[in-house]
Amino acid sequence: MSFDDLLLELQGQKTVQEDENVIELDKLFNESFMKKHSKFNSFAEFLEKGNFQATTHDEIRNIHDELFDRHVVRETDFASWASMLEAANKQYSGK
């Protein structure tokens, strides 16, 4: 939960509704997944290394594909963002 969401919730004004069908990024790309496929302990560390500021699926989608693919290739054992996302979804679904 972001600071802004927490502040709104504490003020009783939370307007952002969580989608039950969307898996949080830190759960999808959990520590086990990140350690297995990269040198990072978390997805946040992975993003930080690439100077990407994203905490939601929508923010990830707004990153230029070519830039994100290059970061994925450089920092993980995947050939593209799409393949990394697919593997994370498969692993998460298998739990």
N, C-alpha and C. Protein backbone atom coordinates (compact mmCIF):
# COMPACT_ATOMS: atom_id res chain seq x y z
N MET A 1 0.86 -1.17 0.00
CA MET A 1 0.00 0.00 0.00
C MET A 1 0.90 1.22 0.00
N SER A 2 0.62 2.15 -0.87
CA SER A 2 1.42 3.36 -0.94
C SER A 2 1.09 4.28 0.22
N PHE A 3 1.96 5.22 0.47
CA PHE A 3 1.74 6.19 1.53
C PHE A 3 0.46 6.97 1.29
N ASP A 4 0.23 7.37 0.03
CA ASP A 4 -0.99 8.13 -0.30
C ASP A 4 -2.25 7.32 -0.02
N ASP A 5 -2.23 6.04 -0.38
CA ASP A 5 -3.39 5.17 -0.11
C ASP A 5 -3.61 5.02 1.39
N LEU A 6 -2.51 4.85 2.13
CA LEU A 6 -2.62 4.72 3.58
C LEU A 6 -3.20 5.99 4.19
N LEU A 7 -2.70 7.13 3.73
CA LEU A 7 -3.20 8.40 4.23
C LEU A 7 -4.70 8.55 3.95
N LEU A 8 -5.12 8.23 2.72
CA LEU A 8 -6.54 8.31 2.38
C LEU A 8 -7.37 7.36 3.22
N GLU A 9 -6.83 6.14 3.44
CA GLU A 9 -7.57 5.17 4.24
C GLU A 9 -7.72 5.66 5.68
N LEU A 10 -6.64 6.20 6.23
CA LEU A 10 -6.69 6.70 7.60
C LEU A 10 -7.66 7.87 7.72
N GLN A 11 -7.80 8.63 6.66
CA GLN A 11 -8.71 9.76 6.66
C GLN A 11 -10.13 9.32 6.31
N GLY A 12 -10.31 8.03 6.03
CA GLY A 12 -11.63 7.53 5.68
C GLY A 12 -12.06 7.93 4.29
N GLN A 13 -11.11 8.23 3.44
CA GLN A 13 -11.42 8.72 2.10
C GLN A 13 -10.84 7.84 1.02
N LYS A 14 -10.50 6.64 1.34
CA LYS A 14 -9.87 5.78 0.33
C LYS A 14 -10.80 5.59 -0.85
N THR A 15 -10.29 5.92 -2.04
CA THR A 15 -11.09 5.81 -3.25
C THR A 15 -10.57 4.73 -4.18
N VAL A 16 -9.35 4.29 -3.95
CA VAL A 16 -8.75 3.28 -4.81
C VAL A 16 -9.24 1.92 -4.36
N GLN A 17 -9.89 1.20 -5.25
CA GLN A 17 -10.38 -0.14 -4.94
C GLN A 17 -9.38 -1.16 -5.47
N GLU A 18 -9.05 -2.13 -4.67
CA GLU A 18 -8.14 -3.17 -5.11
C GLU A 18 -8.89 -4.19 -5.95
N ASP A 19 -8.30 -4.58 -7.06
CA ASP A 19 -8.88 -5.58 -7.94
C ASP A 19 -8.47 -6.96 -7.44
N GLU A 20 -9.44 -7.78 -7.11
CA GLU A 20 -9.17 -9.11 -6.57
C GLU A 20 -8.42 -9.99 -7.57
N ASN A 21 -8.54 -9.72 -8.86
CA ASN A 21 -7.93 -10.55 -9.89
C ASN A 21 -6.49 -10.15 -10.21
N VAL A 22 -6.02 -9.06 -9.64
CA VAL A 22 -4.66 -8.60 -9.91
C VAL A 22 -3.77 -9.00 -8.74
N ILE A 23 -2.72 -9.72 -9.04
CA ILE A 23 -1.78 -10.18 -8.03
C ILE A 23 -0.78 -9.06 -7.78
N GLU A 24 -0.53 -8.76 -6.52
CA GLU A 24 0.44 -7.74 -6.18
C GLU A 24 1.81 -8.15 -6.73
N LEU A 25 2.57 -7.17 -7.22
CA LEU A 25 3.85 -7.45 -7.84
C LEU A 25 4.82 -8.16 -6.89
N ASP A 26 4.85 -7.76 -5.63
CA ASP A 26 5.77 -8.40 -4.69
C ASP A 26 5.37 -9.83 -4.35
N LYS A 27 4.11 -10.18 -4.58
CA LYS A 27 3.68 -11.57 -4.40
C LYS A 27 3.95 -12.38 -5.65
N LEU A 28 3.72 -11.78 -6.81
CA LEU A 28 3.97 -12.45 -8.08
C LEU A 28 5.46 -12.71 -8.27
N PHE A 29 6.25 -11.68 -8.02
CA PHE A 29 7.71 -11.78 -8.13
C PHE A 29 8.27 -11.85 -6.72
N ASN A 30 7.96 -12.94 -6.02
CA ASN A 30 8.37 -13.08 -4.62
C ASN A 30 9.88 -13.29 -4.50
N GLU A 31 10.34 -13.29 -3.27
CA GLU A 31 11.77 -13.41 -3.00
C GLU A 31 12.37 -14.67 -3.62
N SER A 32 11.66 -15.78 -3.50
CA SER A 32 12.14 -17.05 -4.05
C SER A 32 12.32 -16.95 -5.57
N PHE A 33 11.32 -16.40 -6.25
CA PHE A 33 11.38 -16.25 -7.70
C PHE A 33 12.55 -15.35 -8.10
N MET A 34 12.67 -14.22 -7.42
CA MET A 34 13.71 -13.27 -7.79
C MET A 34 15.11 -13.84 -7.53
N LYS A 35 15.30 -14.54 -6.42
CA LYS A 35 16.61 -15.13 -6.14
C LYS A 35 16.97 -16.22 -7.14
N LYS A 36 15.96 -16.96 -7.58
CA LYS A 36 16.19 -18.04 -8.53
C LYS A 36 16.58 -17.51 -9.91
N HIS A 37 15.99 -16.39 -10.32
CA HIS A 37 16.17 -15.91 -11.69
C HIS A 37 17.01 -14.64 -11.83
N SER A 38 17.48 -14.11 -10.70
CA SER A 38 18.29 -12.88 -10.76
C SER A 38 19.19 -12.82 -9.53
N LYS A 39 19.93 -11.75 -9.41
CA LYS A 39 20.77 -11.56 -8.22
C LYS A 39 20.07 -10.69 -7.18
N PHE A 40 18.79 -10.44 -7.37
CA PHE A 40 18.03 -9.56 -6.48
C PHE A 40 17.16 -10.36 -5.52
N ASN A 41 16.90 -9.76 -4.36
CA ASN A 41 16.03 -10.37 -3.36
C ASN A 41 14.58 -9.98 -3.54
N SER A 42 14.34 -8.91 -4.29
CA SER A 42 12.98 -8.43 -4.47
C SER A 42 12.80 -7.80 -5.84
N PHE A 43 11.54 -7.71 -6.25
CA PHE A 43 11.22 -7.06 -7.51
C PHE A 43 11.52 -5.57 -7.41
N ALA A 44 11.33 -5.00 -6.23
CA ALA A 44 11.62 -3.57 -6.02
C ALA A 44 13.10 -3.29 -6.26
N GLU A 45 13.98 -4.16 -5.77
CA GLU A 45 15.42 -4.00 -6.01
C GLU A 45 15.73 -4.09 -7.50
N PHE A 46 15.10 -5.02 -8.16
CA PHE A 46 15.28 -5.20 -9.60
C PHE A 46 14.89 -3.92 -10.35
N LEU A 47 13.74 -3.35 -9.99
CA LEU A 47 13.30 -2.12 -10.63
C LEU A 47 14.24 -0.96 -10.32
N GLU A 48 14.65 -0.88 -9.07
CA GLU A 48 15.54 0.21 -8.65
C GLU A 48 16.85 0.18 -9.44
N LYS A 49 17.40 -1.01 -9.65
CA LYS A 49 18.64 -1.15 -10.41
C LYS A 49 18.51 -0.57 -11.81
N GLY A 50 17.32 -0.68 -12.41
CA GLY A 50 17.09 -0.15 -13.74
C GLY A 50 16.58 1.29 -13.75
N ASN A 51 16.53 1.90 -12.57
CA ASN A 51 16.01 3.27 -12.42
C ASN A 51 14.56 3.38 -12.86
N PHE A 52 13.80 2.32 -12.64
CA PHE A 52 12.37 2.34 -12.95
C PHE A 52 11.60 2.61 -11.66
N GLN A 53 10.64 3.49 -11.72
CA GLN A 53 9.82 3.80 -10.56
C GLN A 53 8.41 3.32 -10.86
N ALA A 54 8.12 2.12 -10.39
CA ALA A 54 6.81 1.52 -10.65
C ALA A 54 6.45 0.63 -9.47
N THR A 55 5.19 0.71 -9.07
CA THR A 55 4.72 -0.14 -7.97
C THR A 55 3.45 -0.88 -8.32
N THR A 56 2.88 -0.60 -9.49
CA THR A 56 1.64 -1.25 -9.90
C THR A 56 1.81 -1.86 -11.28
N HIS A 57 0.87 -2.73 -11.62
CA HIS A 57 0.88 -3.34 -12.96
C HIS A 57 0.75 -2.26 -14.04
N ASP A 58 -0.11 -1.28 -13.81
CA ASP A 58 -0.29 -0.21 -14.80
C ASP A 58 1.00 0.58 -15.01
N GLU A 59 1.71 0.85 -13.93
CA GLU A 59 2.98 1.59 -14.06
C GLU A 59 4.02 0.76 -14.81
N ILE A 60 4.01 -0.55 -14.58
CA ILE A 60 4.92 -1.42 -15.32
C ILE A 60 4.57 -1.39 -16.81
N ARG A 61 3.28 -1.45 -17.12
CA ARG A 61 2.85 -1.41 -18.53
C ARG A 61 3.26 -0.12 -19.22
N ASN A 62 3.42 0.95 -18.46
CA ASN A 62 3.78 2.24 -19.04
C ASN A 62 5.27 2.40 -19.32
N ILE A 63 6.07 1.44 -18.87
CA ILE A 63 7.50 1.47 -19.16
C ILE A 63 7.69 1.04 -20.61
N HIS A 64 8.53 1.75 -21.32
CA HIS A 64 8.79 1.43 -22.72
C HIS A 64 9.29 -0.02 -22.83
N ASP A 65 8.64 -0.81 -23.68
CA ASP A 65 8.93 -2.25 -23.80
C ASP A 65 10.40 -2.54 -24.06
N GLU A 66 11.00 -1.82 -24.99
CA GLU A 66 12.39 -2.09 -25.35
C GLU A 66 13.33 -1.85 -24.18
N LEU A 67 13.10 -0.79 -23.43
CA LEU A 67 13.95 -0.49 -22.27
C LEU A 67 13.80 -1.57 -21.19
N PHE A 68 12.57 -1.97 -20.95
CA PHE A 68 12.33 -2.97 -19.91
C PHE A 68 12.88 -4.33 -20.33
N ASP A 69 12.71 -4.69 -21.59
CA ASP A 69 13.25 -5.96 -22.10
C ASP A 69 14.77 -5.99 -21.93
N ARG A 70 15.45 -4.89 -22.25
CA ARG A 70 16.91 -4.84 -22.10
C ARG A 70 17.32 -5.04 -20.64
N HIS A 71 16.57 -4.42 -19.75
CA HIS A 71 16.87 -4.57 -18.31
C HIS A 71 16.66 -6.02 -17.88
N VAL A 72 15.58 -6.62 -18.33
CA VAL A 72 15.29 -8.02 -17.99
C VAL A 72 16.41 -8.93 -18.50
N VAL A 73 16.83 -8.74 -19.73
CA VAL A 73 17.90 -9.56 -20.32
C VAL A 73 19.21 -9.38 -19.55
N ARG A 74 19.51 -8.16 -19.19
CA ARG A 74 20.76 -7.84 -18.49
C ARG A 74 20.77 -8.38 -17.05
N GLU A 75 19.63 -8.35 -16.38
CA GLU A 75 19.62 -8.62 -14.94
C GLU A 75 18.96 -9.94 -14.52
N THR A 76 18.39 -10.69 -15.46
CA THR A 76 17.74 -11.96 -15.12
C THR A 76 18.17 -13.03 -16.12
N ASP A 77 17.64 -14.22 -15.94
CA ASP A 77 17.92 -15.29 -16.90
C ASP A 77 16.80 -15.44 -17.93
N PHE A 78 16.00 -14.39 -18.11
CA PHE A 78 14.93 -14.39 -19.10
C PHE A 78 15.32 -13.61 -20.35
N ALA A 79 14.71 -13.97 -21.47
CA ALA A 79 15.00 -13.33 -22.75
C ALA A 79 14.13 -12.09 -22.99
N SER A 80 13.09 -11.91 -22.16
CA SER A 80 12.20 -10.76 -22.34
C SER A 80 11.33 -10.58 -21.10
N TRP A 81 10.71 -9.41 -21.00
CA TRP A 81 9.77 -9.15 -19.92
C TRP A 81 8.59 -10.11 -20.02
N ALA A 82 8.12 -10.35 -21.23
CA ALA A 82 6.97 -11.24 -21.41
C ALA A 82 7.28 -12.64 -20.88
N SER A 83 8.47 -13.15 -21.12
CA SER A 83 8.82 -14.48 -20.64
C SER A 83 8.98 -14.50 -19.11
N MET A 84 9.48 -13.42 -18.54
CA MET A 84 9.61 -13.31 -17.08
C MET A 84 8.23 -13.28 -16.43
N LEU A 85 7.35 -12.49 -17.00
CA LEU A 85 5.98 -12.37 -16.47
C LEU A 85 5.24 -13.70 -16.58
N GLU A 86 5.40 -14.37 -17.71
CA GLU A 86 4.75 -15.68 -17.92
C GLU A 86 5.24 -16.70 -16.88
N ALA A 87 6.55 -16.74 -16.66
CA ALA A 87 7.11 -17.69 -15.68
C ALA A 87 6.61 -17.38 -14.27
N ALA A 88 6.55 -16.11 -13.93
CA ALA A 88 6.06 -15.73 -12.59
C ALA A 88 4.59 -16.11 -12.43
N ASN A 89 3.80 -15.89 -13.46
CA ASN A 89 2.38 -16.26 -13.40
C ASN A 89 2.21 -17.77 -13.27
N LYS A 90 3.02 -18.55 -14.00
CA LYS A 90 2.94 -20.01 -13.92
C LYS A 90 3.32 -20.48 -12.52
N GLN A 91 4.39 -19.92 -11.97
CA GLN A 91 4.83 -20.32 -10.65
C GLN A 91 3.76 -19.95 -9.61
N TYR A 92 3.21 -18.77 -9.71
CA TYR A 92 2.20 -18.33 -8.76
C TYR A 92 0.94 -19.19 -8.86
N SER A 93 0.54 -19.52 -10.07
CA SER A 93 -0.66 -20.34 -10.28
C SER A 93 -0.47 -21.76 -9.76
N GLY A 94 0.76 -22.23 -9.76
CA GLY A 94 1.05 -23.58 -9.32
C GLY A 94 1.04 -23.74 -7.81
N LYS A 95 0.95 -22.64 -7.08
CA LYS A 95 0.97 -22.71 -5.61
C LYS A 95 -0.40 -23.00 -5.06
